[in-house]
Amino acid sequence: MLTEEEVSEVRKEKFCFGKYILLVEDEQAISDIQHRILTHDPLNHKVDIAGNGQAALGLLKRNTYDLISLDYLLPGKLNGMDVYHHIRETNKAVPVLFISGNIEFLESIEDLKKKDGYVDHLSKPCKNMDYINGVNQLLGRMPRT
């Protein structure tokens, strides 16, 4: 959970609240922490969790999200980049925050970020406030409707 100091920092800054987020993460301990941070006060986002790429695709078919938090390394046949490409086939502007410490991925993400202004990444492990700031910065890039 967030410290009192972090909660007060979030309340002071201009953060986005109450958005609908898909969290794609296979490591239970990480997804538990990210889910708690995003869904509890002060952020109060609604969050669905997918533990692999196939589950993520199923949720993406049924729901429209304001942001996708996406691990690169996932169990099964689909990795995070496969999920990302599927997302972009139907939605060019939903923000995607990749979370990965994979060296191969880190080398390729810079090119992707140049081509897609709605993508960013954080390296694992990341601090709670870095995660919150990454989510918030991407939500701030969302096209206004």
C-alpha atoms as a PDB file:
ATOM      1  CA  MET A   1       0.000   0.000   0.000  1.00  0.00           C
ATOM      2  CA  LEU A   2       0.971   3.632  -0.209  1.00  0.00           C
ATOM      3  CA  THR A   3       2.562   5.474   2.669  1.00  0.00           C
ATOM      4  CA  GLU A   4       0.719   8.454   4.152  1.00  0.00           C
ATOM      5  CA  GLU A   5       3.290  10.694   2.466  1.00  0.00           C
ATOM      6  CA  GLU A   6       2.621   9.087  -0.940  1.00  0.00           C
ATOM      7  CA  VAL A   7      -1.152   9.385  -0.479  1.00  0.00           C
ATOM      8  CA  SER A   8      -0.793  13.053   0.341  1.00  0.00           C
ATOM      9  CA  GLU A   9       1.464  13.572  -2.706  1.00  0.00           C
ATOM     10  CA  VAL A  10      -1.162  11.937  -4.948  1.00  0.00           C
ATOM     11  CA  ARG A  11      -3.885  14.143  -3.476  1.00  0.00           C
ATOM     12  CA  LYS A  12      -1.806  17.317  -4.036  1.00  0.00           C
ATOM     13  CA  GLU A  13      -0.930  16.621  -7.676  1.00  0.00           C
ATOM     14  CA  LYS A  14      -3.303  16.505 -10.632  1.00  0.00           C
ATOM     15  CA  PHE A  15      -3.888  12.775 -10.831  1.00  0.00           C
ATOM     16  CA  CYS A  16      -6.532  10.950 -12.837  1.00  0.00           C
ATOM     17  CA  PHE A  17      -9.038   9.080 -10.684  1.00  0.00           C
ATOM     18  CA  GLY A  18     -11.744   6.500 -11.272  1.00  0.00           C
ATOM     19  CA  LYS A  19     -10.545   5.167 -14.648  1.00  0.00           C
ATOM     20  CA  TYR A  20     -11.013   1.612 -15.975  1.00  0.00           C
ATOM     21  CA  ILE A  21      -7.660  -0.207 -16.207  1.00  0.00           C
ATOM     22  CA  LEU A  22      -6.635  -3.648 -17.453  1.00  0.00           C
ATOM     23  CA  LEU A  23      -3.695  -5.024 -15.489  1.00  0.00           C
ATOM     24  CA  VAL A  24      -1.875  -7.817 -17.345  1.00  0.00           C
ATOM     25  CA  GLU A  25       0.630  -9.396 -14.962  1.00  0.00           C
ATOM     26  CA  ASP A  26       1.445 -13.046 -14.277  1.00  0.00           C
ATOM     27  CA  GLU A  27       3.336 -12.554 -11.002  1.00  0.00           C
ATOM     28  CA  GLN A  28       0.640 -12.702  -8.305  1.00  0.00           C
ATOM     29  CA  ALA A  29       2.593 -10.656  -5.737  1.00  0.00           C
ATOM     30  CA  ILE A  30       3.127  -7.821  -8.241  1.00  0.00           C
ATOM     31  CA  SER A  31      -0.442  -7.827  -9.549  1.00  0.00           C
ATOM     32  CA  ASP A  32      -1.771  -7.814  -5.961  1.00  0.00           C
ATOM     33  CA  ILE A  33       0.282  -4.720  -5.096  1.00  0.00           C
ATOM     34  CA  GLN A  34      -0.548  -2.900  -8.345  1.00  0.00           C
ATOM     35  CA  HIS A  35      -4.244  -3.748  -7.974  1.00  0.00           C
ATOM     36  CA  ARG A  36      -4.355  -2.461  -4.382  1.00  0.00           C
ATOM     37  CA  ILE A  37      -2.546   0.764  -5.297  1.00  0.00           C
ATOM     38  CA  LEU A  38      -4.830   1.468  -8.254  1.00  0.00           C
ATOM     39  CA  THR A  39      -8.169   0.531  -6.686  1.00  0.00           C
ATOM     40  CA  HIS A  40      -7.845   2.008  -3.205  1.00  0.00           C
ATOM     41  CA  ASP A  41      -8.074   5.578  -2.017  1.00  0.00           C
ATOM     42  CA  PRO A  42      -6.918   8.013  -3.305  1.00  0.00           C
ATOM     43  CA  LEU A  43      -6.874   6.722  -6.932  1.00  0.00           C
ATOM     44  CA  ASN A  44     -10.036   4.561  -6.888  1.00  0.00           C
ATOM     45  CA  HIS A  45      -9.619   3.119 -10.381  1.00  0.00           C
ATOM     46  CA  LYS A  46     -11.638   0.086 -11.486  1.00  0.00           C
ATOM     47  CA  VAL A  47      -9.184  -2.693 -12.391  1.00  0.00           C
ATOM     48  CA  ASP A  48      -9.491  -6.051 -14.147  1.00  0.00           C
ATOM     49  CA  ILE A  49      -6.561  -8.481 -13.888  1.00  0.00           C
ATOM     50  CA  ALA A  50      -5.367 -10.934 -16.533  1.00  0.00           C
ATOM     51  CA  GLY A  51      -2.614 -13.412 -15.621  1.00  0.00           C
ATOM     52  CA  ASN A  52      -1.667 -14.190 -19.238  1.00  0.00           C
ATOM     53  CA  GLY A  53      -2.066 -12.928 -22.786  1.00  0.00           C
ATOM     54  CA  GLN A  54      -5.038 -15.157 -23.620  1.00  0.00           C
ATOM     55  CA  ALA A  55      -6.991 -13.915 -20.599  1.00  0.00           C
ATOM     56  CA  ALA A  56      -6.107 -10.325 -21.563  1.00  0.00           C
ATOM     57  CA  LEU A  57      -7.493 -10.801 -25.079  1.00  0.00           C
ATOM     58  CA  GLY A  58     -10.734 -12.185 -23.623  1.00  0.00           C
ATOM     59  CA  LEU A  59     -11.151  -9.166 -21.358  1.00  0.00           C
ATOM     60  CA  LEU A  60     -10.276  -6.780 -24.192  1.00  0.00           C
ATOM     61  CA  LYS A  61     -13.084  -8.279 -26.313  1.00  0.00           C
ATOM     62  CA  ARG A  62     -15.641  -7.635 -23.565  1.00  0.00           C
ATOM     63  CA  ASN A  63     -14.536  -4.289 -22.113  1.00  0.00           C
ATOM     64  CA  THR A  64     -13.254  -0.859 -23.102  1.00  0.00           C
ATOM     65  CA  TYR A  65     -10.352   0.290 -20.946  1.00  0.00           C
ATOM     66  CA  ASP A  66      -8.864   3.709 -20.283  1.00  0.00           C
ATOM     67  CA  LEU A  67      -5.369   2.213 -19.894  1.00  0.00           C
ATOM     68  CA  ILE A  68      -3.567  -1.135 -20.133  1.00  0.00           C
ATOM     69  CA  SER A  69      -0.757  -1.961 -17.686  1.00  0.00           C
ATOM     70  CA  LEU A  70       1.085  -4.726 -19.537  1.00  0.00           C
ATOM     71  CA  ASP A  71       3.874  -7.075 -18.495  1.00  0.00           C
ATOM     72  CA  TYR A  72       6.124  -8.074 -21.405  1.00  0.00           C
ATOM     73  CA  LEU A  73       6.956 -11.626 -20.287  1.00  0.00           C
ATOM     74  CA  LEU A  74       3.781 -13.666 -19.901  1.00  0.00           C
ATOM     75  CA  PRO A  75       3.161 -17.422 -19.649  1.00  0.00           C
ATOM     76  CA  GLY A  76       1.663 -19.218 -22.628  1.00  0.00           C
ATOM     77  CA  LYS A  77       1.872 -18.468 -26.339  1.00  0.00           C
ATOM     78  CA  LEU A  78       1.226 -14.713 -26.179  1.00  0.00           C
ATOM     79  CA  ASN A  79       3.726 -12.249 -24.735  1.00  0.00           C
ATOM     80  CA  GLY A  80       3.061  -8.604 -23.944  1.00  0.00           C
ATOM     81  CA  MET A  81       4.045  -7.470 -27.423  1.00  0.00           C
ATOM     82  CA  ASP A  82       1.489  -9.868 -28.963  1.00  0.00           C
ATOM     83  CA  VAL A  83      -1.184  -8.386 -26.693  1.00  0.00           C
ATOM     84  CA  TYR A  84      -0.039  -4.858 -27.599  1.00  0.00           C
ATOM     85  CA  HIS A  85      -0.360  -5.571 -31.347  1.00  0.00           C
ATOM     86  CA  HIS A  86      -3.842  -6.994 -30.794  1.00  0.00           C
ATOM     87  CA  ILE A  87      -4.822  -3.850 -28.860  1.00  0.00           C
ATOM     88  CA  ARG A  88      -3.554  -1.580 -31.644  1.00  0.00           C
ATOM     89  CA  GLU A  89      -5.579  -3.472 -34.281  1.00  0.00           C
ATOM     90  CA  THR A  90      -8.751  -2.135 -32.677  1.00  0.00           C
ATOM     91  CA  ASN A  91      -7.674   0.885 -30.620  1.00  0.00           C
ATOM     92  CA  LYS A  92      -4.857   3.183 -31.727  1.00  0.00           C
ATOM     93  CA  ALA A  93      -5.055   5.539 -28.743  1.00  0.00           C
ATOM     94  CA  VAL A  94      -5.619   3.567 -25.533  1.00  0.00           C
ATOM     95  CA  PRO A  95      -2.515   4.167 -23.399  1.00  0.00           C
ATOM     96  CA  VAL A  96      -0.313   1.117 -22.780  1.00  0.00           C
ATOM     97  CA  LEU A  97       2.214   1.048 -19.950  1.00  0.00           C
ATOM     98  CA  PHE A  98       4.658  -1.817 -20.372  1.00  0.00           C
ATOM     99  CA  ILE A  99       6.263  -3.122 -17.191  1.00  0.00           C
ATOM    100  CA  SER A 100       9.379  -5.212 -17.808  1.00  0.00           C
ATOM    101  CA  GLY A 101      12.989  -5.688 -16.871  1.00  0.00           C
ATOM    102  CA  ASN A 102      13.667  -7.892 -19.910  1.00  0.00           C
ATOM    103  CA  ILE A 103      16.803  -6.635 -21.699  1.00  0.00           C
ATOM    104  CA  GLU A 104      15.580  -7.548 -25.217  1.00  0.00           C
ATOM    105  CA  PHE A 105      12.373  -5.664 -24.590  1.00  0.00           C
ATOM    106  CA  LEU A 106      14.131  -2.618 -23.148  1.00  0.00           C
ATOM    107  CA  GLU A 107      16.197  -2.325 -26.341  1.00  0.00           C
ATOM    108  CA  SER A 108      13.107  -2.419 -28.565  1.00  0.00           C
ATOM    109  CA  ILE A 109      10.792  -0.181 -26.527  1.00  0.00           C
ATOM    110  CA  GLU A 110      12.544   3.075 -27.452  1.00  0.00           C
ATOM    111  CA  ASP A 111      11.716   2.560 -31.156  1.00  0.00           C
ATOM    112  CA  LEU A 112       8.136   1.698 -30.275  1.00  0.00           C
ATOM    113  CA  LYS A 113       7.781   4.840 -28.137  1.00  0.00           C
ATOM    114  CA  LYS A 114       8.922   6.972 -31.110  1.00  0.00           C
ATOM    115  CA  LYS A 115       6.171   5.461 -33.290  1.00  0.00           C
ATOM    116  CA  ASP A 116       3.388   5.348 -30.682  1.00  0.00           C
ATOM    117  CA  GLY A 117       2.792   8.350 -28.425  1.00  0.00           C
ATOM    118  CA  TYR A 118       0.433   6.339 -26.225  1.00  0.00           C
ATOM    119  CA  VAL A 119       3.103   3.882 -25.040  1.00  0.00           C
ATOM    120  CA  ASP A 120       5.519   4.095 -22.164  1.00  0.00           C
ATOM    121  CA  HIS A 121       7.404   1.656 -19.974  1.00  0.00           C
ATOM    122  CA  LEU A 122       8.779   1.097 -16.510  1.00  0.00           C
ATOM    123  CA  SER A 123      11.519  -1.346 -15.587  1.00  0.00           C
ATOM    124  CA  LYS A 124      10.827  -4.019 -13.004  1.00  0.00           C
ATOM    125  CA  PRO A 125      11.076  -3.682 -10.107  1.00  0.00           C
ATOM    126  CA  CYS A 126       9.605  -0.201  -9.852  1.00  0.00           C
ATOM    127  CA  LYS A 127       8.634   1.937  -6.898  1.00  0.00           C
ATOM    128  CA  ASN A 128       4.928   2.423  -6.172  1.00  0.00           C
ATOM    129  CA  MET A 129       5.059   6.155  -6.899  1.00  0.00           C
ATOM    130  CA  ASP A 130       6.905   5.552 -10.184  1.00  0.00           C
ATOM    131  CA  TYR A 131       4.095   3.183 -11.176  1.00  0.00           C
ATOM    132  CA  ILE A 132       1.386   5.678 -10.183  1.00  0.00           C
ATOM    133  CA  ASN A 133       3.191   8.480 -12.039  1.00  0.00           C
ATOM    134  CA  GLY A 134       3.622   6.296 -15.150  1.00  0.00           C
ATOM    135  CA  VAL A 135      -0.086   5.429 -15.185  1.00  0.00           C
ATOM    136  CA  ASN A 136      -1.085   9.025 -14.583  1.00  0.00           C
ATOM    137  CA  GLN A 137       1.182  10.477 -17.271  1.00  0.00           C
ATOM    138  CA  LEU A 138      -0.238   8.096 -19.858  1.00  0.00           C
ATOM    139  CA  LEU A 139      -3.819   8.804 -18.794  1.00  0.00           C
ATOM    140  CA  GLY A 140      -3.001  12.487 -19.281  1.00  0.00           C
ATOM    141  CA  ARG A 141      -2.150  11.770 -22.935  1.00  0.00           C
ATOM    142  CA  MET A 142      -5.580  10.291 -23.665  1.00  0.00           C
ATOM    143  CA  PRO A 143      -7.430  12.075 -26.437  1.00  0.00           C
ATOM    144  CA  ARG A 144     -10.281  14.157 -25.085  1.00  0.00           C
ATOM    145  CA  THR A 145     -13.705  12.985 -26.157  1.00  0.00           C
END
